[in-house]
Amino acid sequence: MYQISVWIHILMAAIWVGGLIYTAAVAVPFAVSHEAEERQRILRGLGRRFRRIAWVAMAVLIITGLGNLLLRYSPIRISQLFNGEAFDPNKVDGFIAVWLPWKLMLVVVMIVLMLYHDITSIQAAKRHEGSRESAPGRRSGTMAAALATLLAIAIVYVSVRMVRG
């Protein structure tokens, strides 16, 4: 069961991080080469389609992440997360104690940034006088998404450190 949970976790991380990197490295540069209205139509269409996939992936990542901690060969109990023992090298594996707090913190910040991006994007589309598809984005939301992408890459690194040292 543990291996299946880890496999699903890695698959969902690939979907989440891969989608963010694809958007930053391919979709945005492609869209920028178009006129403003067409650029927004491209980005909003791709964003709307990816948003559903991304948030489902994130929900599965949270569930499988907790499952991975509980099903490990040296498992961590849920109570240890709440009472702080999961972060004490004398109570759990040293790498977990050091890297789990970093991973959790980065994940929370990344989720907040992506929520901010999605909420500001949806609000901008609703306020736009013309077609919602061509509504301009908010610069702060764009910056939040870019920072969240960098954090997602950092989370992958921290995840590897957590399990492999």
C-alpha atoms as a PDB file:
ATOM      1  CA  MET A   1       0.000   0.000   0.000  1.00  0.00           C
ATOM      2  CA  TYR A   2       2.864   2.374   0.846  1.00  0.00           C
ATOM      3  CA  GLN A   3       4.446   2.003  -2.606  1.00  0.00           C
ATOM      4  CA  ILE A   4       1.126   2.724  -4.338  1.00  0.00           C
ATOM      5  CA  SER A   5       0.624   5.815  -2.199  1.00  0.00           C
ATOM      6  CA  VAL A   6       4.153   7.054  -2.998  1.00  0.00           C
ATOM      7  CA  TRP A   7       3.632   6.356  -6.712  1.00  0.00           C
ATOM      8  CA  ILE A   8       0.367   8.326  -6.777  1.00  0.00           C
ATOM      9  CA  HIS A   9       2.034  11.122  -4.810  1.00  0.00           C
ATOM     10  CA  ILE A  10       4.891  11.364  -7.316  1.00  0.00           C
ATOM     11  CA  LEU A  11       2.472  11.207 -10.264  1.00  0.00           C
ATOM     12  CA  MET A  12       0.368  14.050  -8.859  1.00  0.00           C
ATOM     13  CA  ALA A  13       3.509  16.099  -8.106  1.00  0.00           C
ATOM     14  CA  ALA A  14       4.606  15.608 -11.720  1.00  0.00           C
ATOM     15  CA  ILE A  15       1.207  16.825 -12.937  1.00  0.00           C
ATOM     16  CA  TRP A  16       1.212  19.860 -10.604  1.00  0.00           C
ATOM     17  CA  VAL A  17       4.831  20.938 -11.072  1.00  0.00           C
ATOM     18  CA  GLY A  18       4.931  19.945 -14.732  1.00  0.00           C
ATOM     19  CA  GLY A  19       1.848  22.018 -15.440  1.00  0.00           C
ATOM     20  CA  LEU A  20       3.299  25.032 -13.680  1.00  0.00           C
ATOM     21  CA  ILE A  21       6.596  24.745 -15.538  1.00  0.00           C
ATOM     22  CA  TYR A  22       4.830  24.174 -18.874  1.00  0.00           C
ATOM     23  CA  THR A  23       2.760  27.289 -18.296  1.00  0.00           C
ATOM     24  CA  ALA A  24       5.803  29.411 -17.415  1.00  0.00           C
ATOM     25  CA  ALA A  25       8.151  28.014 -20.071  1.00  0.00           C
ATOM     26  CA  VAL A  26       5.793  27.363 -22.986  1.00  0.00           C
ATOM     27  CA  ALA A  27       2.288  28.803 -22.673  1.00  0.00           C
ATOM     28  CA  VAL A  28       3.171  32.299 -21.436  1.00  0.00           C
ATOM     29  CA  PRO A  29       6.022  32.892 -23.933  1.00  0.00           C
ATOM     30  CA  PHE A  30       3.747  31.671 -26.736  1.00  0.00           C
ATOM     31  CA  ALA A  31       0.881  33.900 -25.608  1.00  0.00           C
ATOM     32  CA  VAL A  32       3.134  36.950 -25.275  1.00  0.00           C
ATOM     33  CA  SER A  33       3.839  36.759 -29.001  1.00  0.00           C
ATOM     34  CA  HIS A  34       0.161  37.568 -29.685  1.00  0.00           C
ATOM     35  CA  GLU A  35      -1.891  40.750 -29.401  1.00  0.00           C
ATOM     36  CA  ALA A  36      -3.125  41.613 -25.896  1.00  0.00           C
ATOM     37  CA  GLU A  37      -6.708  40.396 -26.319  1.00  0.00           C
ATOM     38  CA  GLU A  38      -5.656  37.136 -27.984  1.00  0.00           C
ATOM     39  CA  ARG A  39      -2.910  36.653 -25.375  1.00  0.00           C
ATOM     40  CA  GLN A  40      -5.451  36.883 -22.565  1.00  0.00           C
ATOM     41  CA  ARG A  41      -7.818  34.522 -24.381  1.00  0.00           C
ATOM     42  CA  ILE A  42      -5.018  31.932 -24.702  1.00  0.00           C
ATOM     43  CA  LEU A  43      -3.881  32.255 -21.090  1.00  0.00           C
ATOM     44  CA  ARG A  44      -7.403  32.251 -19.632  1.00  0.00           C
ATOM     45  CA  GLY A  45      -8.415  29.210 -21.677  1.00  0.00           C
ATOM     46  CA  LEU A  46      -5.328  27.226 -20.695  1.00  0.00           C
ATOM     47  CA  GLY A  47      -5.574  28.398 -17.094  1.00  0.00           C
ATOM     48  CA  ARG A  48      -9.222  27.386 -16.757  1.00  0.00           C
ATOM     49  CA  ARG A  49      -8.489  23.905 -18.107  1.00  0.00           C
ATOM     50  CA  PHE A  50      -5.390  23.413 -15.945  1.00  0.00           C
ATOM     51  CA  ARG A  51      -6.972  24.846 -12.779  1.00  0.00           C
ATOM     52  CA  ARG A  52      -9.300  21.867 -12.299  1.00  0.00           C
ATOM     53  CA  ILE A  53      -6.553  19.330 -12.935  1.00  0.00           C
ATOM     54  CA  ALA A  54      -4.099  21.193 -10.697  1.00  0.00           C
ATOM     55  CA  TRP A  55      -6.383  21.501  -7.677  1.00  0.00           C
ATOM     56  CA  VAL A  56      -7.440  17.856  -7.906  1.00  0.00           C
ATOM     57  CA  ALA A  57      -3.737  16.951  -8.047  1.00  0.00           C
ATOM     58  CA  MET A  58      -3.071  19.145  -5.001  1.00  0.00           C
ATOM     59  CA  ALA A  59      -5.884  17.521  -3.015  1.00  0.00           C
ATOM     60  CA  VAL A  60      -4.539  14.066  -3.877  1.00  0.00           C
ATOM     61  CA  LEU A  61      -1.018  15.235  -2.955  1.00  0.00           C
ATOM     62  CA  ILE A  62      -2.202  16.278   0.500  1.00  0.00           C
ATOM     63  CA  ILE A  63      -4.044  12.990   1.060  1.00  0.00           C
ATOM     64  CA  THR A  64      -1.202  10.800  -0.210  1.00  0.00           C
ATOM     65  CA  GLY A  65       1.376  12.912   1.630  1.00  0.00           C
ATOM     66  CA  LEU A  66      -0.362  12.203   4.921  1.00  0.00           C
ATOM     67  CA  GLY A  67      -0.747   8.574   3.882  1.00  0.00           C
ATOM     68  CA  ASN A  68       2.941   8.327   3.080  1.00  0.00           C
ATOM     69  CA  LEU A  69       3.857   9.553   6.550  1.00  0.00           C
ATOM     70  CA  LEU A  70       1.467   7.092   8.196  1.00  0.00           C
ATOM     71  CA  LEU A  71       2.408   4.105   6.011  1.00  0.00           C
ATOM     72  CA  ARG A  72       6.191   4.574   5.990  1.00  0.00           C
ATOM     73  CA  TYR A  73       8.490   1.802   7.088  1.00  0.00           C
ATOM     74  CA  SER A  74       9.134   4.030  10.123  1.00  0.00           C
ATOM     75  CA  PRO A  75       5.632   5.533  10.361  1.00  0.00           C
ATOM     76  CA  ILE A  76       4.659   8.828  11.914  1.00  0.00           C
ATOM     77  CA  ARG A  77       1.381   9.080  13.786  1.00  0.00           C
ATOM     78  CA  ILE A  78      -0.978  11.981  13.134  1.00  0.00           C
ATOM     79  CA  SER A  79      -0.680  12.966  16.793  1.00  0.00           C
ATOM     80  CA  GLN A  80       3.077  13.436  16.278  1.00  0.00           C
ATOM     81  CA  LEU A  81       2.354  16.103  13.665  1.00  0.00           C
ATOM     82  CA  PHE A  82       0.188  18.040  16.117  1.00  0.00           C
ATOM     83  CA  ASN A  83       2.293  17.651  19.254  1.00  0.00           C
ATOM     84  CA  GLY A  84       5.557  18.463  17.447  1.00  0.00           C
ATOM     85  CA  GLU A  85       7.229  15.060  17.848  1.00  0.00           C
ATOM     86  CA  ALA A  86       7.374  14.683  14.043  1.00  0.00           C
ATOM     87  CA  PHE A  87       9.890  17.534  14.078  1.00  0.00           C
ATOM     88  CA  ASP A  88      12.053  16.091  16.859  1.00  0.00           C
ATOM     89  CA  PRO A  89      15.041  14.012  15.617  1.00  0.00           C
ATOM     90  CA  ASN A  90      14.948  12.045  18.885  1.00  0.00           C
ATOM     91  CA  LYS A  91      11.390  10.868  18.159  1.00  0.00           C
ATOM     92  CA  VAL A  92      11.422  10.269  14.374  1.00  0.00           C
ATOM     93  CA  ASP A  93      13.896   9.732  11.541  1.00  0.00           C
ATOM     94  CA  GLY A  94      16.371  12.636  11.479  1.00  0.00           C
ATOM     95  CA  PHE A  95      15.785  13.583   7.838  1.00  0.00           C
ATOM     96  CA  ILE A  96      12.026  13.695   8.409  1.00  0.00           C
ATOM     97  CA  ALA A  97      12.462  15.867  11.502  1.00  0.00           C
ATOM     98  CA  VAL A  98      14.645  18.344   9.608  1.00  0.00           C
ATOM     99  CA  TRP A  99      12.960  18.477   6.203  1.00  0.00           C
ATOM    100  CA  LEU A 100       9.248  17.881   6.960  1.00  0.00           C
ATOM    101  CA  PRO A 101       8.744  21.328   8.544  1.00  0.00           C
ATOM    102  CA  TRP A 102      10.337  22.952   5.485  1.00  0.00           C
ATOM    103  CA  LYS A 103       8.154  20.956   3.125  1.00  0.00           C
ATOM    104  CA  LEU A 104       4.965  21.746   5.024  1.00  0.00           C
ATOM    105  CA  MET A 105       5.807  25.445   5.210  1.00  0.00           C
ATOM    106  CA  LEU A 106       6.645  25.661   1.503  1.00  0.00           C
ATOM    107  CA  VAL A 107       3.487  23.755   0.546  1.00  0.00           C
ATOM    108  CA  VAL A 108       1.276  26.071   2.604  1.00  0.00           C
ATOM    109  CA  VAL A 109       2.891  29.201   1.122  1.00  0.00           C
ATOM    110  CA  MET A 110       2.633  27.760  -2.407  1.00  0.00           C
ATOM    111  CA  ILE A 111      -1.059  26.928  -1.950  1.00  0.00           C
ATOM    112  CA  VAL A 112      -1.777  30.427  -0.616  1.00  0.00           C
ATOM    113  CA  LEU A 113       0.026  31.987  -3.603  1.00  0.00           C
ATOM    114  CA  MET A 114      -1.855  29.821  -6.099  1.00  0.00           C
ATOM    115  CA  LEU A 115      -5.184  30.578  -4.398  1.00  0.00           C
ATOM    116  CA  TYR A 116      -4.361  34.277  -4.580  1.00  0.00           C
ATOM    117  CA  HIS A 117      -3.511  33.943  -8.271  1.00  0.00           C
ATOM    118  CA  ASP A 118      -6.701  32.030  -9.059  1.00  0.00           C
ATOM    119  CA  ILE A 119      -8.956  34.341  -7.039  1.00  0.00           C
ATOM    120  CA  THR A 120      -7.512  37.530  -8.548  1.00  0.00           C
ATOM    121  CA  SER A 121      -7.716  36.025 -12.029  1.00  0.00           C
ATOM    122  CA  ILE A 122     -11.349  35.039 -11.597  1.00  0.00           C
ATOM    123  CA  GLN A 123     -12.215  38.455 -10.109  1.00  0.00           C
ATOM    124  CA  ALA A 124     -10.505  40.262 -12.986  1.00  0.00           C
ATOM    125  CA  ALA A 125     -12.473  38.197 -15.494  1.00  0.00           C
ATOM    126  CA  LYS A 126     -15.762  38.928 -13.727  1.00  0.00           C
ATOM    127  CA  ARG A 127     -15.067  42.698 -13.581  1.00  0.00           C
ATOM    128  CA  HIS A 128     -14.067  42.969 -17.237  1.00  0.00           C
ATOM    129  CA  GLU A 129     -16.585  44.845 -19.383  1.00  0.00           C
ATOM    130  CA  GLY A 130     -16.016  42.756 -22.492  1.00  0.00           C
ATOM    131  CA  SER A 131     -15.547  39.048 -22.868  1.00  0.00           C
ATOM    132  CA  ARG A 132     -14.275  37.312 -19.732  1.00  0.00           C
ATOM    133  CA  GLU A 133     -11.920  35.389 -21.981  1.00  0.00           C
ATOM    134  CA  SER A 134     -10.036  38.537 -22.960  1.00  0.00           C
ATOM    135  CA  ALA A 135      -9.923  40.149 -19.498  1.00  0.00           C
ATOM    136  CA  PRO A 136      -6.452  41.342 -18.541  1.00  0.00           C
ATOM    137  CA  GLY A 137      -4.831  39.594 -15.596  1.00  0.00           C
ATOM    138  CA  ARG A 138      -3.567  41.197 -12.412  1.00  0.00           C
ATOM    139  CA  ARG A 139       0.175  41.680 -12.152  1.00  0.00           C
ATOM    140  CA  SER A 140       0.217  40.685  -8.475  1.00  0.00           C
ATOM    141  CA  GLY A 141      -1.561  37.424  -9.324  1.00  0.00           C
ATOM    142  CA  THR A 142       0.932  36.726 -12.081  1.00  0.00           C
ATOM    143  CA  MET A 143       3.835  37.330  -9.703  1.00  0.00           C
ATOM    144  CA  ALA A 144       2.201  35.058  -7.122  1.00  0.00           C
ATOM    145  CA  ALA A 145       1.944  32.261  -9.707  1.00  0.00           C
ATOM    146  CA  ALA A 146       5.577  32.720 -10.729  1.00  0.00           C
ATOM    147  CA  LEU A 147       6.729  32.563  -7.112  1.00  0.00           C
ATOM    148  CA  ALA A 148       4.513  29.512  -6.504  1.00  0.00           C
ATOM    149  CA  THR A 149       6.191  27.785  -9.459  1.00  0.00           C
ATOM    150  CA  LEU A 150       9.619  28.389  -7.939  1.00  0.00           C
ATOM    151  CA  LEU A 151       8.353  27.117  -4.590  1.00  0.00           C
ATOM    152  CA  ALA A 152       6.981  23.980  -6.269  1.00  0.00           C
ATOM    153  CA  ILE A 153      10.456  23.261  -7.622  1.00  0.00           C
ATOM    154  CA  ALA A 154      11.920  23.854  -4.154  1.00  0.00           C
ATOM    155  CA  ILE A 155       9.344  21.460  -2.675  1.00  0.00           C
ATOM    156  CA  VAL A 156      10.513  18.724  -5.039  1.00  0.00           C
ATOM    157  CA  TYR A 157      14.087  19.278  -3.797  1.00  0.00           C
ATOM    158  CA  VAL A 158      13.038  19.249  -0.138  1.00  0.00           C
ATOM    159  CA  SER A 159      10.992  16.094  -0.757  1.00  0.00           C
ATOM    160  CA  VAL A 160      14.016  14.279  -2.158  1.00  0.00           C
ATOM    161  CA  ARG A 161      16.145  15.438   0.782  1.00  0.00           C
ATOM    162  CA  MET A 162      13.465  14.278   3.208  1.00  0.00           C
ATOM    163  CA  VAL A 163      13.423  10.699   1.953  1.00  0.00           C
ATOM    164  CA  ARG A 164      16.945  10.291   0.593  1.00  0.00           C
ATOM    165  CA  GLY A 165      19.088  12.485   2.812  1.00  0.00           C
END
